[in-house]
Amino acid sequence: MQAAPKTLATLLFILTVNMLQAATPLHSINFKLFGSKIFFTAHILDSNEITVLFDPGTYAYMHSGTAQKYRIDYTETGKMANSEGTTELNMFTNFGVAFDGFTDTFETVRSQATAPYLNKRIDMVLGKEWVDRYIVHIDLDNSKINLYDTKGFDAPAGFHAIETISWNRYPLLKAWFAFDSGDSAEVRVEINHGSEVGFQLDKYITNEYKLYKIQKDRGSMRLYGPTGEGIEGMLTRVPSVQIDGMRQTMVRGGLFKDGYSQGDGEFAQGLVGMDFLKWYNFVLDKWGGKLYYKPTHKE
């Protein structure tokens, strides 16, 4: 008669252990938030320290000056397509990068010029490889990127799930923007942790709602493409941006008359960046087509 309680207790213990195991990341990487961007310190070629920018929508590339500094031999020359045609790039393959207790080997690393951010040198940019292989937890409260197995994952407590519309470079979601005119619009935006501003709106929304006339001009911003050429936009603040249960007011961002993306606006009409996203912890689950979020402690 006493066996049943012991058996039940054993089962509960096993279940609890399994749940704890499922919640354990495969790798964790410490980062520092500098300005509005996520940076790691890493090492290459055994001991050379580099500064890495995390951008979960960008495949790995290294600053051409860094590649020259450490005399990294290129293995091939490739071409990258962009809205202005194609650009030839030097590349190297099977390149190891050491993080905190974790070494990753990147199958292909492009080499191209990389501008500094707030006078901080950027040696390397990476992120999309991790999103393609893992479930990625951006933990701003604890300054960690946690990489989970794609199988058997349960989101940590307190996170809310959103189904993504699609996932090309970044997760695509519906957002609601309020403008100075009192009008509001539903906008399909990419969630871009590599972008500093709160939002960017492409010409499709900017022109439809005549935002250059409606919104207060607070300066200019310039976006640069792979060839080094750029387009000019207008800085402004909108009364609010909302995505599911996430909402921020007086969000700073840029408007573009000429557009910066390919296509006719049926895919992405803009993006939401770190000036908005920094108030939330995120889990990026490309495999399940979901994005999870939870307010940070400072929210």
C-alpha atoms as a PDB file:
ATOM      1  CA  MET A   1       0.000   0.000   0.000  1.00  0.00           C
ATOM      2  CA  GLN A   2       2.998   2.316   0.501  1.00  0.00           C
ATOM      3  CA  ALA A   3       4.461   1.664  -2.931  1.00  0.00           C
ATOM      4  CA  ALA A   4       2.120   3.927  -4.884  1.00  0.00           C
ATOM      5  CA  PRO A   5       3.116   7.222  -3.184  1.00  0.00           C
ATOM      6  CA  LYS A   6       6.810   6.384  -3.639  1.00  0.00           C
ATOM      7  CA  THR A   7       6.235   5.564  -7.308  1.00  0.00           C
ATOM      8  CA  LEU A   8       4.348   8.801  -7.837  1.00  0.00           C
ATOM      9  CA  ALA A   9       7.079  10.776  -6.090  1.00  0.00           C
ATOM     10  CA  THR A  10       9.701   9.084  -8.284  1.00  0.00           C
ATOM     11  CA  LEU A  11       7.756   9.926 -11.430  1.00  0.00           C
ATOM     12  CA  LEU A  12       7.384  13.535 -10.358  1.00  0.00           C
ATOM     13  CA  PHE A  13      11.111  13.706  -9.655  1.00  0.00           C
ATOM     14  CA  ILE A  14      11.965  12.308 -13.083  1.00  0.00           C
ATOM     15  CA  LEU A  15       9.522  14.703 -14.743  1.00  0.00           C
ATOM     16  CA  THR A  16      11.036  17.662 -12.888  1.00  0.00           C
ATOM     17  CA  VAL A  17      14.571  16.625 -13.832  1.00  0.00           C
ATOM     18  CA  ASN A  18      13.548  16.275 -17.490  1.00  0.00           C
ATOM     19  CA  MET A  19      11.942  19.704 -17.445  1.00  0.00           C
ATOM     20  CA  LEU A  20      15.114  21.218 -15.988  1.00  0.00           C
ATOM     21  CA  GLN A  21      17.210  19.456 -18.618  1.00  0.00           C
ATOM     22  CA  ALA A  22      14.959  20.754 -21.403  1.00  0.00           C
ATOM     23  CA  ALA A  23      15.395  24.298 -20.089  1.00  0.00           C
ATOM     24  CA  THR A  24      19.210  24.115 -20.106  1.00  0.00           C
ATOM     25  CA  PRO A  25      20.851  25.941 -23.046  1.00  0.00           C
ATOM     26  CA  LEU A  26      23.467  24.174 -25.115  1.00  0.00           C
ATOM     27  CA  HIS A  27      25.626  27.316 -25.039  1.00  0.00           C
ATOM     28  CA  SER A  28      25.503  30.699 -23.318  1.00  0.00           C
ATOM     29  CA  ILE A  29      27.471  33.737 -24.449  1.00  0.00           C
ATOM     30  CA  ASN A  30      27.931  36.878 -22.354  1.00  0.00           C
ATOM     31  CA  PHE A  31      27.405  40.198 -24.108  1.00  0.00           C
ATOM     32  CA  LYS A  32      27.503  43.926 -23.422  1.00  0.00           C
ATOM     33  CA  LEU A  33      24.888  46.389 -24.621  1.00  0.00           C
ATOM     34  CA  PHE A  34      26.834  49.288 -26.105  1.00  0.00           C
ATOM     35  CA  GLY A  35      24.566  52.117 -27.170  1.00  0.00           C
ATOM     36  CA  SER A  36      21.636  50.142 -28.526  1.00  0.00           C
ATOM     37  CA  LYS A  37      23.552  47.195 -29.949  1.00  0.00           C
ATOM     38  CA  ILE A  38      24.686  43.798 -28.669  1.00  0.00           C
ATOM     39  CA  PHE A  39      28.434  43.097 -28.679  1.00  0.00           C
ATOM     40  CA  PHE A  40      30.520  40.047 -27.739  1.00  0.00           C
ATOM     41  CA  THR A  41      34.208  39.680 -27.094  1.00  0.00           C
ATOM     42  CA  ALA A  42      35.580  36.665 -28.944  1.00  0.00           C
ATOM     43  CA  HIS A  43      38.931  35.211 -29.998  1.00  0.00           C
ATOM     44  CA  ILE A  44      40.215  34.031 -33.369  1.00  0.00           C
ATOM     45  CA  LEU A  45      43.405  32.287 -34.469  1.00  0.00           C
ATOM     46  CA  ASP A  46      43.970  30.940 -30.920  1.00  0.00           C
ATOM     47  CA  SER A  47      44.347  34.176 -28.975  1.00  0.00           C
ATOM     48  CA  ASN A  48      43.541  37.315 -30.965  1.00  0.00           C
ATOM     49  CA  GLU A  49      40.678  39.238 -29.348  1.00  0.00           C
ATOM     50  CA  ILE A  50      38.004  40.706 -31.595  1.00  0.00           C
ATOM     51  CA  THR A  51      34.785  42.674 -31.129  1.00  0.00           C
ATOM     52  CA  VAL A  52      31.680  40.986 -32.557  1.00  0.00           C
ATOM     53  CA  LEU A  53      28.315  42.606 -33.284  1.00  0.00           C
ATOM     54  CA  PHE A  54      25.299  40.320 -32.923  1.00  0.00           C
ATOM     55  CA  ASP A  55      22.776  40.652 -35.751  1.00  0.00           C
ATOM     56  CA  PRO A  56      20.436  37.628 -35.962  1.00  0.00           C
ATOM     57  CA  GLY A  57      19.500  38.396 -39.570  1.00  0.00           C
ATOM     58  CA  THR A  58      23.041  38.541 -40.969  1.00  0.00           C
ATOM     59  CA  TYR A  59      25.350  35.696 -41.950  1.00  0.00           C
ATOM     60  CA  ALA A  60      28.905  36.021 -40.666  1.00  0.00           C
ATOM     61  CA  TYR A  61      31.202  38.577 -42.191  1.00  0.00           C
ATOM     62  CA  MET A  62      34.481  40.078 -41.046  1.00  0.00           C
ATOM     63  CA  HIS A  63      35.801  43.597 -41.423  1.00  0.00           C
ATOM     64  CA  SER A  64      38.265  43.505 -44.317  1.00  0.00           C
ATOM     65  CA  GLY A  65      40.724  45.495 -42.177  1.00  0.00           C
ATOM     66  CA  THR A  66      40.604  42.792 -39.496  1.00  0.00           C
ATOM     67  CA  ALA A  67      41.198  40.056 -42.074  1.00  0.00           C
ATOM     68  CA  GLN A  68      44.227  41.968 -43.366  1.00  0.00           C
ATOM     69  CA  LYS A  69      45.515  42.685 -39.840  1.00  0.00           C
ATOM     70  CA  TYR A  70      45.600  38.983 -38.944  1.00  0.00           C
ATOM     71  CA  ARG A  71      46.641  37.874 -42.447  1.00  0.00           C
ATOM     72  CA  ILE A  72      43.674  35.599 -42.928  1.00  0.00           C
ATOM     73  CA  ASP A  73      43.936  33.860 -46.288  1.00  0.00           C
ATOM     74  CA  TYR A  74      40.900  34.069 -48.552  1.00  0.00           C
ATOM     75  CA  THR A  75      39.790  30.771 -50.015  1.00  0.00           C
ATOM     76  CA  GLU A  76      37.513  32.068 -52.749  1.00  0.00           C
ATOM     77  CA  THR A  77      35.820  35.086 -54.258  1.00  0.00           C
ATOM     78  CA  GLY A  78      32.046  35.160 -54.400  1.00  0.00           C
ATOM     79  CA  LYS A  79      29.271  37.488 -55.429  1.00  0.00           C
ATOM     80  CA  MET A  80      26.555  38.986 -53.253  1.00  0.00           C
ATOM     81  CA  ALA A  81      23.319  40.118 -54.877  1.00  0.00           C
ATOM     82  CA  ASN A  82      21.789  43.426 -53.803  1.00  0.00           C
ATOM     83  CA  SER A  83      19.355  46.019 -55.114  1.00  0.00           C
ATOM     84  CA  GLU A  84      22.195  47.728 -57.005  1.00  0.00           C
ATOM     85  CA  GLY A  85      23.381  44.570 -58.793  1.00  0.00           C
ATOM     86  CA  THR A  86      26.120  42.266 -57.500  1.00  0.00           C
ATOM     87  CA  THR A  87      29.223  42.889 -55.439  1.00  0.00           C
ATOM     88  CA  GLU A  88      32.342  40.716 -55.479  1.00  0.00           C
ATOM     89  CA  LEU A  89      33.477  39.592 -52.029  1.00  0.00           C
ATOM     90  CA  ASN A  90      36.444  37.714 -50.690  1.00  0.00           C
ATOM     91  CA  MET A  91      35.528  34.795 -48.444  1.00  0.00           C
ATOM     92  CA  PHE A  92      37.178  32.242 -46.192  1.00  0.00           C
ATOM     93  CA  THR A  93      35.732  28.939 -45.028  1.00  0.00           C
ATOM     94  CA  ASN A  94      35.553  26.723 -41.921  1.00  0.00           C
ATOM     95  CA  PHE A  95      36.629  29.565 -39.663  1.00  0.00           C
ATOM     96  CA  GLY A  96      36.673  29.065 -35.885  1.00  0.00           C
ATOM     97  CA  VAL A  97      35.589  31.717 -33.381  1.00  0.00           C
ATOM     98  CA  ALA A  98      35.970  31.116 -29.615  1.00  0.00           C
ATOM     99  CA  PHE A  99      33.379  32.494 -27.193  1.00  0.00           C
ATOM    100  CA  ASP A 100      32.937  31.862 -23.436  1.00  0.00           C
ATOM    101  CA  GLY A 101      33.508  28.109 -23.154  1.00  0.00           C
ATOM    102  CA  PHE A 102      32.203  27.546 -26.684  1.00  0.00           C
ATOM    103  CA  THR A 103      33.916  27.486 -30.070  1.00  0.00           C
ATOM    104  CA  ASP A 104      31.865  27.756 -33.246  1.00  0.00           C
ATOM    105  CA  THR A 105      33.103  27.027 -36.747  1.00  0.00           C
ATOM    106  CA  PHE A 106      31.507  29.141 -39.454  1.00  0.00           C
ATOM    107  CA  GLU A 107      31.245  27.408 -42.799  1.00  0.00           C
ATOM    108  CA  THR A 108      31.626  30.642 -44.778  1.00  0.00           C
ATOM    109  CA  VAL A 109      32.720  34.104 -43.651  1.00  0.00           C
ATOM    110  CA  ARG A 110      32.520  37.027 -46.057  1.00  0.00           C
ATOM    111  CA  SER A 111      34.990  39.875 -45.883  1.00  0.00           C
ATOM    112  CA  GLN A 112      33.832  43.449 -46.402  1.00  0.00           C
ATOM    113  CA  ALA A 113      34.400  46.912 -45.011  1.00  0.00           C
ATOM    114  CA  THR A 114      32.525  47.538 -41.757  1.00  0.00           C
ATOM    115  CA  ALA A 115      31.893  51.020 -40.391  1.00  0.00           C
ATOM    116  CA  PRO A 116      32.458  51.624 -36.659  1.00  0.00           C
ATOM    117  CA  TYR A 117      29.511  52.136 -34.317  1.00  0.00           C
ATOM    118  CA  LEU A 118      29.773  55.113 -31.916  1.00  0.00           C
ATOM    119  CA  ASN A 119      33.534  55.040 -32.644  1.00  0.00           C
ATOM    120  CA  LYS A 120      33.677  51.370 -31.606  1.00  0.00           C
ATOM    121  CA  ARG A 121      35.464  49.123 -34.073  1.00  0.00           C
ATOM    122  CA  ILE A 122      33.441  46.160 -35.339  1.00  0.00           C
ATOM    123  CA  ASP A 123      35.684  43.256 -36.319  1.00  0.00           C
ATOM    124  CA  MET A 124      32.937  40.759 -37.121  1.00  0.00           C
ATOM    125  CA  VAL A 125      29.162  40.524 -37.474  1.00  0.00           C
ATOM    126  CA  LEU A 126      27.240  37.267 -37.054  1.00  0.00           C
ATOM    127  CA  GLY A 127      23.932  35.828 -35.931  1.00  0.00           C
ATOM    128  CA  LYS A 128      21.867  34.201 -38.655  1.00  0.00           C
ATOM    129  CA  GLU A 129      23.826  30.948 -38.450  1.00  0.00           C
ATOM    130  CA  TRP A 130      22.687  30.615 -34.837  1.00  0.00           C
ATOM    131  CA  VAL A 131      19.060  31.367 -35.667  1.00  0.00           C
ATOM    132  CA  ASP A 132      19.206  28.700 -38.403  1.00  0.00           C
ATOM    133  CA  ARG A 133      20.667  26.051 -36.046  1.00  0.00           C
ATOM    134  CA  TYR A 134      19.303  26.852 -32.603  1.00  0.00           C
ATOM    135  CA  ILE A 135      16.489  28.498 -30.712  1.00  0.00           C
ATOM    136  CA  VAL A 136      18.012  31.812 -29.618  1.00  0.00           C
ATOM    137  CA  HIS A 137      17.148  33.482 -26.306  1.00  0.00           C
ATOM    138  CA  ILE A 138      18.208  37.157 -26.121  1.00  0.00           C
ATOM    139  CA  ASP A 139      18.301  37.692 -22.358  1.00  0.00           C
ATOM    140  CA  LEU A 140      18.775  41.417 -21.807  1.00  0.00           C
ATOM    141  CA  ASP A 141      18.167  41.116 -18.056  1.00  0.00           C
ATOM    142  CA  ASN A 142      21.236  38.903 -17.632  1.00  0.00           C
ATOM    143  CA  SER A 143      23.263  40.064 -20.667  1.00  0.00           C
ATOM    144  CA  LYS A 144      23.386  36.598 -22.215  1.00  0.00           C
ATOM    145  CA  ILE A 145      22.578  34.939 -25.508  1.00  0.00           C
ATOM    146  CA  ASN A 146      21.348  31.403 -24.780  1.00  0.00           C
ATOM    147  CA  LEU A 147      21.336  28.832 -27.577  1.00  0.00           C
ATOM    148  CA  TYR A 148      18.859  25.960 -27.178  1.00  0.00           C
ATOM    149  CA  ASP A 149      18.311  22.720 -29.031  1.00  0.00           C
ATOM    150  CA  THR A 150      15.458  22.975 -31.531  1.00  0.00           C
ATOM    151  CA  LYS A 151      13.830  19.807 -30.180  1.00  0.00           C
ATOM    152  CA  GLY A 152      11.832  19.636 -26.975  1.00  0.00           C
ATOM    153  CA  PHE A 153      12.023  23.354 -26.266  1.00  0.00           C
ATOM    154  CA  ASP A 154       9.615  25.009 -23.840  1.00  0.00           C
ATOM    155  CA  ALA A 155       9.751  28.777 -23.531  1.00  0.00           C
ATOM    156  CA  PRO A 156      10.811  30.065 -20.093  1.00  0.00           C
ATOM    157  CA  ALA A 157       8.072  31.170 -17.706  1.00  0.00           C
ATOM    158  CA  GLY A 158       6.432  34.504 -18.380  1.00  0.00           C
ATOM    159  CA  PHE A 159       7.048  34.621 -22.136  1.00  0.00           C
ATOM    160  CA  HIS A 160       4.224  35.299 -24.596  1.00  0.00           C
ATOM    161  CA  ALA A 161       4.229  33.651 -28.036  1.00  0.00           C
ATOM    162  CA  ILE A 162       3.513  35.296 -31.396  1.00  0.00           C
ATOM    163  CA  GLU A 163       3.110  33.360 -34.644  1.00  0.00           C
ATOM    164  CA  THR A 164       5.314  34.906 -37.316  1.00  0.00           C
ATOM    165  CA  ILE A 165       3.918  35.745 -40.761  1.00  0.00           C
ATOM    166  CA  SER A 166       7.118  34.466 -42.340  1.00  0.00           C
ATOM    167  CA  TRP A 167      10.845  34.329 -41.645  1.00  0.00           C
ATOM    168  CA  ASN A 168      13.254  35.346 -44.384  1.00  0.00           C
ATOM    169  CA  ARG A 169      16.123  37.280 -42.838  1.00  0.00           C
ATOM    170  CA  TYR A 170      14.213  38.319 -39.721  1.00  0.00           C
ATOM    171  CA  PRO A 171      10.862  37.315 -38.193  1.00  0.00           C
ATOM    172  CA  LEU A 172       8.028  39.206 -39.891  1.00  0.00           C
ATOM    173  CA  LEU A 173       5.128  40.385 -37.704  1.00  0.00           C
ATOM    174  CA  LYS A 174       2.205  42.798 -37.767  1.00  0.00           C
ATOM    175  CA  ALA A 175       2.711  46.104 -35.959  1.00  0.00           C
ATOM    176  CA  TRP A 176       0.429  49.073 -35.389  1.00  0.00           C
ATOM    177  CA  PHE A 177       1.818  52.590 -35.764  1.00  0.00           C
ATOM    178  CA  ALA A 178       0.122  55.777 -34.528  1.00  0.00           C
ATOM    179  CA  PHE A 179       1.093  58.988 -36.360  1.00  0.00           C
ATOM    180  CA  ASP A 180       1.030  62.687 -35.464  1.00  0.00           C
ATOM    181  CA  SER A 181      -2.090  63.160 -37.583  1.00  0.00           C
ATOM    182  CA  GLY A 182      -4.063  60.821 -35.323  1.00  0.00           C
ATOM    183  CA  ASP A 183      -4.170  58.167 -38.055  1.00  0.00           C
ATOM    184  CA  SER A 184      -2.838  54.681 -37.438  1.00  0.00           C
ATOM    185  CA  ALA A 185      -1.693  51.935 -39.759  1.00  0.00           C
ATOM    186  CA  GLU A 186      -1.043  48.214 -39.685  1.00  0.00           C
ATOM    187  CA  VAL A 187       2.487  47.594 -40.930  1.00  0.00           C
ATOM    188  CA  ARG A 188       4.359  44.355 -41.641  1.00  0.00           C
ATOM    189  CA  VAL A 189       7.714  44.759 -39.920  1.00  0.00           C
ATOM    190  CA  GLU A 190      10.845  42.691 -39.506  1.00  0.00           C
ATOM    191  CA  ILE A 191      12.130  42.332 -35.931  1.00  0.00           C
ATOM    192  CA  ASN A 192      15.734  43.464 -36.304  1.00  0.00           C
ATOM    193  CA  HIS A 193      18.016  43.322 -33.255  1.00  0.00           C
ATOM    194  CA  GLY A 194      20.862  44.620 -35.440  1.00  0.00           C
ATOM    195  CA  SER A 195      19.186  47.993 -36.052  1.00  0.00           C
ATOM    196  CA  GLU A 196      19.765  50.841 -33.616  1.00  0.00           C
ATOM    197  CA  VAL A 197      16.633  52.938 -34.174  1.00  0.00           C
ATOM    198  CA  GLY A 198      13.129  52.089 -32.972  1.00  0.00           C
ATOM    199  CA  PHE A 199      11.768  51.677 -36.492  1.00  0.00           C
ATOM    200  CA  GLN A 200      12.302  52.283 -40.182  1.00  0.00           C
ATOM    201  CA  LEU A 201       9.381  52.639 -42.580  1.00  0.00           C
ATOM    202  CA  ASP A 202       9.834  51.996 -46.266  1.00  0.00           C
ATOM    203  CA  LYS A 203       8.441  54.161 -49.058  1.00  0.00           C
ATOM    204  CA  TYR A 204       5.253  52.106 -49.302  1.00  0.00           C
ATOM    205  CA  ILE A 205       3.938  53.307 -45.949  1.00  0.00           C
ATOM    206  CA  THR A 206       5.735  56.673 -45.991  1.00  0.00           C
ATOM    207  CA  ASN A 207       4.175  57.687 -49.294  1.00  0.00           C
ATOM    208  CA  GLU A 208       0.719  56.202 -48.663  1.00  0.00           C
ATOM    209  CA  TYR A 209       0.264  58.144 -45.420  1.00  0.00           C
ATOM    210  CA  LYS A 210       2.235  61.242 -46.584  1.00  0.00           C
ATOM    211  CA  LEU A 211       4.413  60.914 -43.516  1.00  0.00           C
ATOM    212  CA  TYR A 212       7.024  63.425 -44.691  1.00  0.00           C
ATOM    213  CA  LYS A 213       4.318  66.100 -44.387  1.00  0.00           C
ATOM    214  CA  ILE A 214       2.600  64.728 -41.281  1.00  0.00           C
ATOM    215  CA  GLN A 215       5.549  63.832 -39.035  1.00  0.00           C
ATOM    216  CA  LYS A 216       7.848  66.346 -37.364  1.00  0.00           C
ATOM    217  CA  ASP A 217      11.281  66.469 -38.984  1.00  0.00           C
ATOM    218  CA  ARG A 218      13.866  65.746 -36.272  1.00  0.00           C
ATOM    219  CA  GLY A 219      16.911  65.366 -38.496  1.00  0.00           C
ATOM    220  CA  SER A 220      18.186  62.906 -41.059  1.00  0.00           C
ATOM    221  CA  MET A 221      19.585  59.397 -41.155  1.00  0.00           C
ATOM    222  CA  ARG A 222      21.445  57.534 -43.844  1.00  0.00           C
ATOM    223  CA  LEU A 223      21.413  53.826 -44.658  1.00  0.00           C
ATOM    224  CA  TYR A 224      24.351  52.258 -46.462  1.00  0.00           C
ATOM    225  CA  GLY A 225      24.152  49.265 -48.782  1.00  0.00           C
ATOM    226  CA  PRO A 226      26.773  46.605 -49.541  1.00  0.00           C
ATOM    227  CA  THR A 227      28.412  48.809 -52.203  1.00  0.00           C
ATOM    228  CA  GLY A 228      28.857  51.705 -49.793  1.00  0.00           C
ATOM    229  CA  GLU A 229      26.152  53.799 -51.439  1.00  0.00           C
ATOM    230  CA  GLY A 230      23.394  55.109 -49.212  1.00  0.00           C
ATOM    231  CA  ILE A 231      19.941  56.646 -49.161  1.00  0.00           C
ATOM    232  CA  GLU A 232      18.759  59.534 -47.025  1.00  0.00           C
ATOM    233  CA  GLY A 233      15.792  59.352 -44.661  1.00  0.00           C
ATOM    234  CA  MET A 234      14.050  61.614 -42.168  1.00  0.00           C
ATOM    235  CA  LEU A 235      14.312  61.056 -38.418  1.00  0.00           C
ATOM    236  CA  THR A 236      11.116  61.476 -36.442  1.00  0.00           C
ATOM    237  CA  ARG A 237       9.170  60.142 -33.470  1.00  0.00           C
ATOM    238  CA  VAL A 238       5.769  58.496 -33.715  1.00  0.00           C
ATOM    239  CA  PRO A 239       3.250  58.586 -30.827  1.00  0.00           C
ATOM    240  CA  SER A 240       3.274  54.806 -30.413  1.00  0.00           C
ATOM    241  CA  VAL A 241       4.274  51.452 -31.863  1.00  0.00           C
ATOM    242  CA  GLN A 242       2.527  48.257 -30.772  1.00  0.00           C
ATOM    243  CA  ILE A 243       3.247  44.600 -31.542  1.00  0.00           C
ATOM    244  CA  ASP A 244       0.908  42.155 -29.835  1.00  0.00           C
ATOM    245  CA  GLY A 245       1.177  43.080 -26.117  1.00  0.00           C
ATOM    246  CA  MET A 246       4.352  45.129 -26.598  1.00  0.00           C
ATOM    247  CA  ARG A 247       3.808  48.878 -26.775  1.00  0.00           C
ATOM    248  CA  GLN A 248       6.139  51.865 -26.549  1.00  0.00           C
ATOM    249  CA  THR A 249       5.379  55.576 -26.920  1.00  0.00           C
ATOM    250  CA  MET A 250       7.314  58.378 -28.633  1.00  0.00           C
ATOM    251  CA  VAL A 251       9.412  55.886 -30.577  1.00  0.00           C
ATOM    252  CA  ARG A 252      12.359  57.287 -32.551  1.00  0.00           C
ATOM    253  CA  GLY A 253      12.836  56.098 -36.112  1.00  0.00           C
ATOM    254  CA  GLY A 254      13.332  56.883 -39.779  1.00  0.00           C
ATOM    255  CA  LEU A 255      11.111  57.432 -42.810  1.00  0.00           C
ATOM    256  CA  PHE A 256      12.270  56.740 -46.372  1.00  0.00           C
ATOM    257  CA  LYS A 257      10.719  58.135 -49.553  1.00  0.00           C
ATOM    258  CA  ASP A 258      12.870  56.137 -51.927  1.00  0.00           C
ATOM    259  CA  GLY A 259      12.654  52.755 -50.248  1.00  0.00           C
ATOM    260  CA  TYR A 260      15.537  50.568 -49.192  1.00  0.00           C
ATOM    261  CA  SER A 261      14.144  47.062 -49.699  1.00  0.00           C
ATOM    262  CA  GLN A 262      13.548  45.009 -52.795  1.00  0.00           C
ATOM    263  CA  GLY A 263      10.126  44.099 -54.140  1.00  0.00           C
ATOM    264  CA  ASP A 264       6.868  46.014 -54.088  1.00  0.00           C
ATOM    265  CA  GLY A 265       6.218  46.198 -50.348  1.00  0.00           C
ATOM    266  CA  GLU A 266       4.089  43.056 -50.189  1.00  0.00           C
ATOM    267  CA  PHE A 267       6.662  41.385 -47.979  1.00  0.00           C
ATOM    268  CA  ALA A 268       8.175  43.775 -45.394  1.00  0.00           C
ATOM    269  CA  GLN A 269       7.120  47.415 -45.178  1.00  0.00           C
ATOM    270  CA  GLY A 270       9.596  48.347 -42.481  1.00  0.00           C
ATOM    271  CA  LEU A 271      11.422  47.128 -39.416  1.00  0.00           C
ATOM    272  CA  VAL A 272      11.412  47.557 -35.664  1.00  0.00           C
ATOM    273  CA  GLY A 273      14.832  47.880 -34.030  1.00  0.00           C
ATOM    274  CA  MET A 274      16.575  48.104 -30.696  1.00  0.00           C
ATOM    275  CA  ASP A 275      15.177  51.428 -29.455  1.00  0.00           C
ATOM    276  CA  PHE A 276      11.908  49.465 -29.174  1.00  0.00           C
ATOM    277  CA  LEU A 277      13.207  45.938 -28.657  1.00  0.00           C
ATOM    278  CA  LYS A 278      15.589  46.790 -25.783  1.00  0.00           C
ATOM    279  CA  TRP A 279      12.615  46.819 -23.389  1.00  0.00           C
ATOM    280  CA  TYR A 280      11.929  43.107 -23.948  1.00  0.00           C
ATOM    281  CA  ASN A 281      13.663  39.749 -23.681  1.00  0.00           C
ATOM    282  CA  PHE A 282      13.117  37.610 -26.768  1.00  0.00           C
ATOM    283  CA  VAL A 283      13.251  33.996 -27.880  1.00  0.00           C
ATOM    284  CA  LEU A 284      13.695  33.546 -31.635  1.00  0.00           C
ATOM    285  CA  ASP A 285      12.249  30.196 -32.733  1.00  0.00           C
ATOM    286  CA  LYS A 286      12.560  30.056 -36.500  1.00  0.00           C
ATOM    287  CA  TRP A 287      11.954  26.300 -36.417  1.00  0.00           C
ATOM    288  CA  GLY A 288       8.556  26.683 -34.775  1.00  0.00           C
ATOM    289  CA  GLY A 289       7.689  29.908 -36.606  1.00  0.00           C
ATOM    290  CA  LYS A 290       7.325  31.738 -33.298  1.00  0.00           C
ATOM    291  CA  LEU A 291       8.745  34.713 -31.483  1.00  0.00           C
ATOM    292  CA  TYR A 292       8.437  34.831 -27.683  1.00  0.00           C
ATOM    293  CA  TYR A 293       8.757  38.004 -25.617  1.00  0.00           C
ATOM    294  CA  LYS A 294       8.738  39.148 -22.006  1.00  0.00           C
ATOM    295  CA  PRO A 295       9.317  42.663 -20.620  1.00  0.00           C
ATOM    296  CA  THR A 296      12.730  43.267 -19.095  1.00  0.00           C
ATOM    297  CA  HIS A 297      13.085  44.168 -15.419  1.00  0.00           C
ATOM    298  CA  LYS A 298      13.495  47.825 -16.399  1.00  0.00           C
ATOM    299  CA  GLU A 299      10.210  47.893 -18.392  1.00  0.00           C
END
